[in-house]
N, C-alpha and C. Protein backbone atom coordinates (compact mmCIF):
# COMPACT_ATOMS: atom_id res chain seq x y z
N MET A 1 141.94 118.64 6.70
CA MET A 1 143.23 118.05 6.43
C MET A 1 143.78 117.37 7.68
N PHE A 2 143.72 118.04 8.84
CA PHE A 2 144.18 117.46 10.09
C PHE A 2 142.99 117.34 11.03
N ASN A 3 142.86 116.19 11.66
CA ASN A 3 141.79 115.98 12.62
C ASN A 3 142.36 116.09 14.03
N LEU A 4 142.31 117.29 14.57
CA LEU A 4 142.83 117.52 15.92
C LEU A 4 141.74 117.28 16.94
N LYS A 5 142.10 116.69 18.08
CA LYS A 5 141.14 116.47 19.15
C LYS A 5 140.92 117.75 19.95
N GLN A 6 141.96 118.58 20.00
CA GLN A 6 141.83 119.87 20.68
C GLN A 6 142.88 120.82 20.16
N GLY A 7 142.66 122.10 20.35
CA GLY A 7 143.61 123.11 19.92
C GLY A 7 143.57 123.35 18.42
N ALA A 8 144.53 124.10 17.94
CA ALA A 8 144.59 124.45 16.53
C ALA A 8 146.05 124.67 16.13
N ILE A 9 146.33 124.45 14.87
CA ILE A 9 147.64 124.75 14.30
C ILE A 9 147.45 126.01 13.46
N LEU A 10 148.19 127.05 13.80
CA LEU A 10 148.06 128.32 13.10
C LEU A 10 149.32 128.65 12.32
N ILE A 11 149.13 129.17 11.13
CA ILE A 11 150.23 129.69 10.32
C ILE A 11 149.84 131.12 9.97
N GLY A 12 150.64 132.05 10.45
CA GLY A 12 150.31 133.45 10.22
C GLY A 12 148.97 133.83 10.81
N GLY A 13 148.60 133.17 11.90
CA GLY A 13 147.33 133.45 12.56
C GLY A 13 146.13 132.77 11.94
N GLN A 14 146.35 132.02 10.86
CA GLN A 14 145.24 131.34 10.18
C GLN A 14 145.24 129.86 10.54
N ASP A 15 144.09 129.36 10.93
CA ASP A 15 143.94 127.95 11.28
C ASP A 15 144.13 127.11 10.02
N ILE A 16 145.06 126.15 10.07
CA ILE A 16 145.34 125.37 8.85
C ILE A 16 144.20 124.44 8.46
N SER A 17 143.22 124.25 9.34
CA SER A 17 142.08 123.41 8.95
C SER A 17 141.27 124.08 7.85
N SER A 18 141.47 125.39 7.65
CA SER A 18 140.75 126.11 6.60
C SER A 18 141.59 126.24 5.33
N ILE A 19 142.75 125.61 5.30
CA ILE A 19 143.66 125.69 4.16
C ILE A 19 143.69 124.33 3.46
N THR A 20 143.68 124.34 2.13
CA THR A 20 143.78 123.07 1.41
C THR A 20 145.20 122.53 1.53
N GLN A 21 145.33 121.23 1.43
CA GLN A 21 146.65 120.60 1.52
C GLN A 21 147.57 121.13 0.42
N LYS A 22 147.05 121.30 -0.77
CA LYS A 22 147.85 121.80 -1.89
C LYS A 22 148.38 123.20 -1.59
N SER A 23 147.53 124.08 -1.06
CA SER A 23 147.96 125.44 -0.72
C SER A 23 149.02 125.43 0.37
N LEU A 24 148.82 124.56 1.36
CA LEU A 24 149.77 124.47 2.47
C LEU A 24 151.14 124.01 1.96
N TYR A 25 151.15 122.96 1.15
CA TYR A 25 152.42 122.44 0.65
C TYR A 25 153.12 123.44 -0.27
N LYS A 26 152.34 124.22 -1.01
CA LYS A 26 152.93 125.23 -1.89
C LYS A 26 153.63 126.32 -1.08
N ALA A 27 153.14 126.57 0.11
CA ALA A 27 153.71 127.62 0.96
C ALA A 27 154.84 127.12 1.86
N MET A 28 155.07 125.81 1.89
CA MET A 28 156.07 125.23 2.78
C MET A 28 157.40 125.01 2.07
N SER A 29 158.44 124.95 2.85
CA SER A 29 159.77 124.60 2.36
C SER A 29 160.42 123.66 3.36
N ILE A 30 161.32 122.86 2.87
CA ILE A 30 162.09 121.97 3.73
C ILE A 30 163.54 122.41 3.63
N VAL A 31 164.16 122.58 4.77
CA VAL A 31 165.57 122.97 4.80
C VAL A 31 166.33 121.85 5.50
N PRO A 32 167.03 121.01 4.73
CA PRO A 32 167.75 119.89 5.35
C PRO A 32 168.98 120.36 6.12
N GLN A 33 169.44 119.51 7.02
CA GLN A 33 170.65 119.81 7.80
C GLN A 33 171.88 119.86 6.90
N GLU A 34 171.93 118.98 5.91
CA GLU A 34 173.06 118.95 4.99
C GLU A 34 172.61 119.50 3.64
N CYS A 35 173.46 120.28 3.04
CA CYS A 35 173.15 120.91 1.77
C CYS A 35 173.63 120.04 0.62
N ASN A 36 172.75 119.70 -0.28
CA ASN A 36 173.12 118.94 -1.47
C ASN A 36 172.94 119.84 -2.68
N LEU A 37 174.04 120.13 -3.35
CA LEU A 37 173.98 120.95 -4.55
C LEU A 37 174.28 120.08 -5.76
N PHE A 38 173.77 120.51 -6.91
CA PHE A 38 173.96 119.76 -8.14
C PHE A 38 175.14 120.33 -8.93
N HIS A 39 175.71 119.51 -9.79
CA HIS A 39 176.83 119.92 -10.64
C HIS A 39 176.28 120.81 -11.76
N THR A 40 176.01 122.03 -11.41
CA THR A 40 175.51 123.04 -12.35
C THR A 40 175.82 124.40 -11.75
N THR A 41 175.32 125.46 -12.31
CA THR A 41 175.62 126.79 -11.79
C THR A 41 174.90 127.06 -10.47
N ILE A 42 175.42 128.03 -9.74
CA ILE A 42 174.75 128.46 -8.50
C ILE A 42 173.33 128.92 -8.84
N LEU A 43 173.18 129.63 -9.95
CA LEU A 43 171.88 130.11 -10.40
C LEU A 43 170.89 128.96 -10.55
N GLU A 44 171.31 127.90 -11.23
CA GLU A 44 170.41 126.77 -11.46
C GLU A 44 170.16 125.98 -10.18
N ASN A 45 171.12 125.93 -9.28
CA ASN A 45 170.90 125.27 -8.00
C ASN A 45 169.82 126.00 -7.20
N ILE A 46 169.87 127.32 -7.19
CA ILE A 46 168.86 128.09 -6.47
C ILE A 46 167.51 127.97 -7.17
N ARG A 47 167.53 127.95 -8.48
CA ARG A 47 166.31 127.89 -9.29
C ARG A 47 165.68 126.49 -9.28
N TYR A 48 166.36 125.52 -8.72
CA TYR A 48 165.90 124.13 -8.76
C TYR A 48 164.45 123.96 -8.29
N GLY A 49 164.09 124.61 -7.21
CA GLY A 49 162.73 124.48 -6.67
C GLY A 49 161.67 125.19 -7.48
N ASN A 50 162.09 126.13 -8.32
CA ASN A 50 161.17 126.88 -9.17
C ASN A 50 161.88 127.18 -10.48
N PRO A 51 161.86 126.24 -11.43
CA PRO A 51 162.61 126.39 -12.67
C PRO A 51 162.29 127.65 -13.47
N HIS A 52 161.12 128.22 -13.25
CA HIS A 52 160.71 129.40 -14.01
C HIS A 52 160.98 130.71 -13.27
N ALA A 53 161.70 130.64 -12.14
CA ALA A 53 162.01 131.85 -11.37
C ALA A 53 162.87 132.80 -12.20
N SER A 54 162.56 134.07 -12.13
CA SER A 54 163.35 135.08 -12.84
C SER A 54 164.69 135.27 -12.12
N ASP A 55 165.63 135.91 -12.80
CA ASP A 55 166.92 136.21 -12.16
C ASP A 55 166.71 137.06 -10.91
N LYS A 56 165.77 138.00 -10.98
CA LYS A 56 165.47 138.86 -9.83
C LYS A 56 164.97 138.03 -8.65
N GLU A 57 164.09 137.06 -8.92
CA GLU A 57 163.57 136.20 -7.85
C GLU A 57 164.69 135.36 -7.24
N VAL A 58 165.60 134.88 -8.08
CA VAL A 58 166.74 134.10 -7.59
C VAL A 58 167.62 134.97 -6.69
N THR A 59 167.89 136.19 -7.13
CA THR A 59 168.70 137.11 -6.33
C THR A 59 168.03 137.40 -4.99
N GLU A 60 166.73 137.64 -5.01
CA GLU A 60 166.00 137.91 -3.76
C GLU A 60 166.04 136.70 -2.83
N THR A 61 165.95 135.51 -3.41
CA THR A 61 166.03 134.28 -2.61
C THR A 61 167.40 134.17 -1.96
N ALA A 62 168.44 134.44 -2.72
CA ALA A 62 169.81 134.38 -2.17
C ALA A 62 169.99 135.42 -1.07
N LYS A 63 169.42 136.59 -1.24
CA LYS A 63 169.51 137.63 -0.20
C LYS A 63 168.81 137.17 1.07
N ARG A 64 167.62 136.58 0.94
CA ARG A 64 166.90 136.09 2.12
C ARG A 64 167.67 134.99 2.83
N ALA A 65 168.46 134.23 2.08
CA ALA A 65 169.26 133.15 2.66
C ALA A 65 170.64 133.64 3.12
N SER A 66 170.87 134.94 3.02
CA SER A 66 172.16 135.55 3.37
C SER A 66 173.31 134.95 2.57
N ALA A 67 173.04 134.61 1.30
CA ALA A 67 174.06 134.03 0.43
C ALA A 67 174.48 134.97 -0.70
N HIS A 68 173.77 136.05 -0.88
CA HIS A 68 174.02 136.95 -2.02
C HIS A 68 175.45 137.51 -2.03
N ALA A 69 175.91 138.01 -0.90
CA ALA A 69 177.27 138.60 -0.84
C ALA A 69 178.32 137.55 -1.16
N PHE A 70 178.16 136.33 -0.64
CA PHE A 70 179.08 135.24 -0.94
C PHE A 70 179.09 134.94 -2.44
N ILE A 71 177.90 134.84 -3.03
CA ILE A 71 177.78 134.52 -4.45
C ILE A 71 178.39 135.63 -5.31
N GLU A 72 178.13 136.88 -4.95
CA GLU A 72 178.68 138.01 -5.71
C GLU A 72 180.20 138.04 -5.67
N ALA A 73 180.81 137.46 -4.63
CA ALA A 73 182.27 137.44 -4.51
C ALA A 73 182.91 136.31 -5.32
N LEU A 74 182.11 135.39 -5.84
CA LEU A 74 182.63 134.29 -6.65
C LEU A 74 183.06 134.82 -8.02
N PRO A 75 184.00 134.13 -8.68
CA PRO A 75 184.53 134.61 -9.97
C PRO A 75 183.45 134.92 -11.02
N CYS A 76 182.47 134.04 -11.14
CA CYS A 76 181.41 134.24 -12.13
C CYS A 76 180.05 134.48 -11.47
N GLN A 77 180.08 134.85 -10.22
CA GLN A 77 178.88 135.14 -9.43
C GLN A 77 177.84 134.03 -9.58
N TYR A 78 176.64 134.36 -9.99
CA TYR A 78 175.57 133.36 -10.05
C TYR A 78 175.80 132.33 -11.15
N LYS A 79 176.69 132.62 -12.09
CA LYS A 79 176.99 131.67 -13.17
C LYS A 79 178.19 130.79 -12.84
N THR A 80 178.68 130.87 -11.60
CA THR A 80 179.77 130.01 -11.16
C THR A 80 179.29 128.57 -11.15
N LEU A 81 180.10 127.68 -11.73
CA LEU A 81 179.75 126.26 -11.77
C LEU A 81 180.10 125.63 -10.43
N TRP A 82 179.13 124.95 -9.85
CA TRP A 82 179.34 124.25 -8.58
C TRP A 82 179.86 122.86 -8.91
N LEU A 83 181.05 122.53 -8.42
CA LEU A 83 181.63 121.21 -8.67
C LEU A 83 181.33 120.30 -7.49
N VAL A 84 180.74 119.17 -7.79
CA VAL A 84 180.37 118.21 -6.76
C VAL A 84 181.53 117.27 -6.53
N LYS A 85 181.96 117.15 -5.28
CA LYS A 85 183.02 116.21 -4.94
C LYS A 85 182.39 114.85 -4.68
N GLU A 86 182.95 113.83 -5.30
CA GLU A 86 182.42 112.48 -5.10
C GLU A 86 183.18 111.80 -3.98
N GLY A 87 182.46 110.90 -3.31
CA GLY A 87 183.12 110.12 -2.28
C GLY A 87 182.72 110.52 -0.98
C-alpha cells in the first residue's frame, strides 16, 4: 500500500505494509476540528458512521468520547433532537 524508502509505519506494533488498504480504512477515523451535526437526534448523529450500531454500541461510543454524561443530562437524552442553526 505504501512504498517507503526506509523505516516503517506501525499501528499497534504492526507494520501497515502487511495490512490491506480496506482493513486500514475500516480501522481509521477522522475527527475534524469543527463538529458538524445533522438535524436529527443525538442517537442518529452518533450512529451516522455505523447505521446498524446497537444502542449499546452508541452508548459505549459516547462514553469513549466523554459525551455520555452530557447526553444523559439532556431532556430526552439520546433521543434529544439536535437543532441546526443556519447562517
